[in-house]
């Protein structure tokens, strides 16, 4: 029932998530859906928890692999790829469920980024939580704007059958350039330091 709900939201949007629709997709009665989850809010919470746990498991295992990381491994994993459409559909909502999901993803990001630093794949950050927040929100905003990514780069990030070895390249190339080579020159970055001041916890 939970998986049917996730697929329903990913395909038809949040408004399509009703007990009757989930029951039909799962081949059960609408009463069983409510009995099992308590309410539709309970079902949404179960979906959100499953999404956060799946992303946590996959990203953490990928980053623990160290500097030899295959950056497309996560998106090739069917368990994660089929959840992307759900995340894209719910992010535009201003609800406690979505806020909780984003908070979970930020907390998880801080953890797996730290694992990446310890494995030698990522650079140390003077503000680990701030970096986790920004990277998470950047990634999630790309999902919110996935139709424009598709229109401008020809990459449908919500397609669970996307072949990351070919179709994802127009998106990954600029991402890799930004994250590895950076955007600002050293002179530009240095000029901003007096404005930013020391990071929290630094003298």
Protein backbone atom coordinates (compact mmCIF):
# COMPACT_ATOMS: atom_id res chain seq x y z
CA UNK A 1 0.00 0.00 0.00
CA UNK A 2 2.85 2.35 0.82
CA UNK A 3 4.61 1.59 -2.46
CA UNK A 4 1.35 2.03 -4.37
CA UNK A 5 0.90 5.44 -2.72
CA UNK A 6 4.42 6.51 -3.67
CA UNK A 7 3.88 5.43 -7.27
CA UNK A 8 0.53 7.21 -7.37
CA UNK A 9 2.00 10.52 -6.16
CA UNK A 10 5.00 10.21 -8.47
CA UNK A 11 2.75 9.64 -11.46
CA UNK A 12 -0.31 11.81 -10.78
CA UNK A 13 0.68 14.25 -8.02
CA UNK A 14 -0.28 14.71 -4.39
CA UNK A 15 -3.93 15.52 -5.13
CA UNK A 16 -4.36 12.00 -6.53
CA UNK A 17 -3.52 10.43 -3.15
CA UNK A 18 -6.84 9.19 -1.81
CA UNK A 19 -7.69 6.03 0.12
CA UNK A 20 -9.79 4.82 -2.80
CA UNK A 21 -7.00 5.37 -5.36
CA UNK A 22 -4.37 3.70 -3.17
CA UNK A 23 -6.70 0.78 -2.48
CA UNK A 24 -7.38 0.29 -6.19
CA UNK A 25 -3.67 0.43 -7.05
CA UNK A 26 -2.74 -1.97 -4.24
CA UNK A 27 -5.64 -4.34 -4.79
CA UNK A 28 -7.10 -3.90 -1.30
CA UNK A 29 -10.09 -2.15 0.25
CA UNK A 30 -10.07 1.55 1.12
CA UNK A 31 -10.97 0.61 4.67
CA UNK A 32 -7.81 -1.50 4.96
CA UNK A 33 -5.67 1.49 3.92
CA UNK A 34 -7.09 3.61 6.74
CA UNK A 35 -7.02 0.71 9.20
CA UNK A 36 -3.33 0.03 8.51
CA UNK A 37 -2.07 3.64 8.54
CA UNK A 38 -4.68 5.28 10.77
CA UNK A 39 -5.32 8.11 8.28
CA UNK A 40 -4.09 9.48 4.98
CA UNK A 41 -1.69 11.67 6.97
CA UNK A 42 -0.33 8.48 8.50
CA UNK A 43 0.15 7.02 5.05
CA UNK A 44 1.96 10.17 3.91
CA UNK A 45 4.23 9.98 6.96
CA UNK A 46 5.04 6.35 6.15
CA UNK A 47 5.88 7.31 2.55
CA UNK A 48 8.11 10.19 3.68
CA UNK A 49 9.95 8.00 6.20
CA UNK A 50 10.56 5.36 3.55
CA UNK A 51 11.87 7.94 1.08
CA UNK A 52 14.27 9.48 3.61
CA UNK A 53 15.54 6.06 4.71
CA UNK A 54 16.13 4.87 1.13
CA UNK A 55 18.04 8.03 0.17
CA UNK A 56 20.02 7.84 3.42
CA UNK A 57 21.05 4.24 2.82
CA UNK A 58 22.07 4.72 -0.78
CA UNK A 59 23.94 8.02 -0.43
CA UNK A 60 25.75 6.87 2.68
CA UNK A 61 26.91 3.60 1.09
CA UNK A 62 28.05 5.42 -2.05
CA UNK A 63 30.08 8.02 -0.14
CA UNK A 64 31.68 5.40 2.11
CA UNK A 65 33.23 3.92 -1.03
CA UNK A 66 35.83 6.71 -0.97
CA UNK A 67 37.56 8.68 -3.74
CA UNK A 68 36.75 5.98 -6.31
CA UNK A 69 33.06 6.92 -6.08
CA UNK A 70 30.93 6.39 -9.14
CA UNK A 71 28.84 9.58 -8.97
CA UNK A 72 26.01 8.00 -10.96
CA UNK A 73 25.67 4.90 -8.77
CA UNK A 74 22.88 6.34 -6.66
CA UNK A 75 20.71 7.25 -9.64
CA UNK A 76 21.26 3.83 -11.20
CA UNK A 77 19.85 2.19 -8.08
CA UNK A 78 16.24 1.26 -8.84
CA UNK A 79 15.18 1.65 -5.21
CA UNK A 80 16.15 5.32 -5.26
CA UNK A 81 15.34 6.17 -8.88
CA UNK A 82 11.67 5.27 -8.50
CA UNK A 83 11.33 7.58 -5.50
CA UNK A 84 12.49 10.73 -7.30
CA UNK A 85 9.08 11.45 -8.82
CA UNK A 86 7.45 11.30 -5.39
CA UNK A 87 9.95 13.77 -3.92
CA UNK A 88 9.48 16.13 -6.87
CA UNK A 89 5.70 16.02 -6.43
CA UNK A 90 5.59 16.78 -2.70
CA UNK A 91 8.30 19.43 -2.40
CA UNK A 92 6.09 22.33 -3.46
CA UNK A 93 3.77 21.69 -0.51
CA UNK A 94 4.02 23.88 2.59
CA UNK A 95 3.18 21.20 5.12
CA UNK A 96 4.65 19.67 8.29
CA UNK A 97 5.15 16.40 6.40
CA UNK A 98 7.32 18.05 3.75
CA UNK A 99 9.22 20.12 6.33
CA UNK A 100 9.93 16.94 8.26
CA UNK A 101 11.14 15.18 5.13
CA UNK A 102 13.47 18.07 4.24
CA UNK A 103 14.78 18.19 7.82
CA UNK A 104 15.50 14.46 7.67
CA UNK A 105 17.34 14.83 4.37
CA UNK A 106 19.45 17.72 5.73
CA UNK A 107 20.38 15.72 8.84
CA UNK A 108 21.28 12.74 6.69
CA UNK A 109 23.27 14.93 4.29
CA UNK A 110 25.35 16.27 7.17
CA UNK A 111 26.16 12.71 8.18
CA UNK A 112 27.08 11.35 4.76
CA UNK A 113 29.05 14.49 3.87
CA UNK A 114 31.10 13.88 7.02
CA UNK A 115 31.63 10.29 5.86
CA UNK A 116 32.80 11.68 2.52
CA UNK A 117 35.32 13.94 4.27
CA UNK A 118 36.64 11.05 6.37
CA UNK A 119 36.93 8.82 3.29
CA UNK A 120 39.04 11.44 1.50
CA UNK A 121 36.51 12.15 -1.22
CA UNK A 122 35.23 15.53 0.00
CA UNK A 123 36.91 18.63 1.36
CA UNK A 124 36.58 19.68 4.98
CA UNK A 125 33.99 22.40 5.61
CA UNK A 126 34.17 25.22 8.17
CA UNK A 127 30.37 25.03 8.36
CA UNK A 128 29.30 21.39 7.90
CA UNK A 129 25.62 21.98 8.69
CA UNK A 130 25.40 25.05 6.45
CA UNK A 131 26.95 23.10 3.60
CA UNK A 132 24.53 20.23 4.15
CA UNK A 133 21.56 22.63 4.12
CA UNK A 134 22.63 24.40 0.93
CA UNK A 135 23.49 21.23 -0.99
CA UNK A 136 20.25 19.55 0.04
CA UNK A 137 18.12 22.54 -0.95
CA UNK A 138 19.98 22.95 -4.24
CA UNK A 139 19.35 19.32 -5.10
CA UNK A 140 15.70 19.45 -4.08
CA UNK A 141 15.10 22.68 -5.98
CA UNK A 142 16.38 20.97 -9.11
CA UNK A 143 13.65 18.38 -8.65
CA UNK A 144 11.01 21.09 -8.19
CA UNK A 145 12.19 22.61 -11.47
CA UNK A 146 12.59 19.23 -13.19
CA UNK A 147 10.35 20.23 -16.12
CA UNK A 148 12.72 23.11 -16.93
CA UNK A 149 15.75 20.83 -16.57
CA UNK A 150 14.07 18.55 -19.11
CA UNK A 151 13.22 21.47 -21.41
CA UNK A 152 16.66 23.12 -21.26
CA UNK A 153 19.02 20.14 -20.93
CA UNK A 154 16.88 17.31 -22.28
CA UNK A 155 17.18 15.33 -19.03
CA UNK A 156 14.08 14.06 -17.24
CA UNK A 157 15.30 13.68 -13.64
CA UNK A 158 12.03 12.06 -12.58
CA UNK A 159 12.21 9.24 -15.14
CA UNK A 160 12.90 6.04 -13.15
CA UNK A 161 14.19 4.37 -16.32
CA UNK A 162 16.70 7.11 -17.09
CA UNK A 163 20.04 5.67 -18.24
CA UNK A 164 22.61 7.65 -16.22
CA UNK A 165 25.50 6.48 -18.38
CA UNK A 166 24.18 8.48 -21.34
CA UNK A 167 20.99 10.48 -20.74
CA UNK A 168 22.20 12.11 -17.52
CA UNK A 169 25.48 13.44 -18.93
CA UNK A 170 24.17 16.92 -19.99
CA UNK A 171 23.14 17.48 -16.36
CA UNK A 172 26.11 15.82 -14.65
CA UNK A 173 28.80 17.59 -16.67
CA UNK A 174 28.06 21.12 -15.35
CA UNK A 175 27.37 19.73 -11.86
CA UNK A 176 30.76 18.03 -11.78
CA UNK A 177 32.46 21.18 -13.07
CA UNK A 178 30.86 23.33 -10.37
CA UNK A 179 31.57 20.90 -7.55
CA UNK A 180 35.11 19.95 -8.57
CA UNK A 181 36.63 22.98 -10.28
CA UNK A 182 34.38 25.55 -8.60
CA UNK A 183 32.87 28.73 -10.00
CA UNK A 184 34.81 31.64 -8.50
CA UNK A 185 38.45 32.34 -9.14
CA UNK A 186 40.74 32.40 -6.10
CA UNK A 187 40.96 36.20 -6.35
CA UNK A 188 37.17 36.52 -6.30
CA UNK A 189 36.83 34.18 -3.34
CA UNK A 190 39.51 36.06 -1.44
CA UNK A 191 37.74 39.38 -2.05
CA UNK A 192 34.59 38.02 -0.39
CA UNK A 193 36.29 36.83 2.80
CA UNK A 194 36.16 40.23 4.59
CA UNK A 195 32.42 40.42 3.90
CA UNK A 196 31.69 36.91 5.16
CA UNK A 197 33.85 37.07 8.25
CA UNK A 198 34.92 33.94 10.17
CA UNK A 199 32.69 30.88 10.13
CA UNK A 200 30.77 30.04 13.30
CA UNK A 201 33.13 28.58 15.86
CA UNK A 202 36.21 30.24 14.33
CA UNK A 203 38.09 33.17 15.81
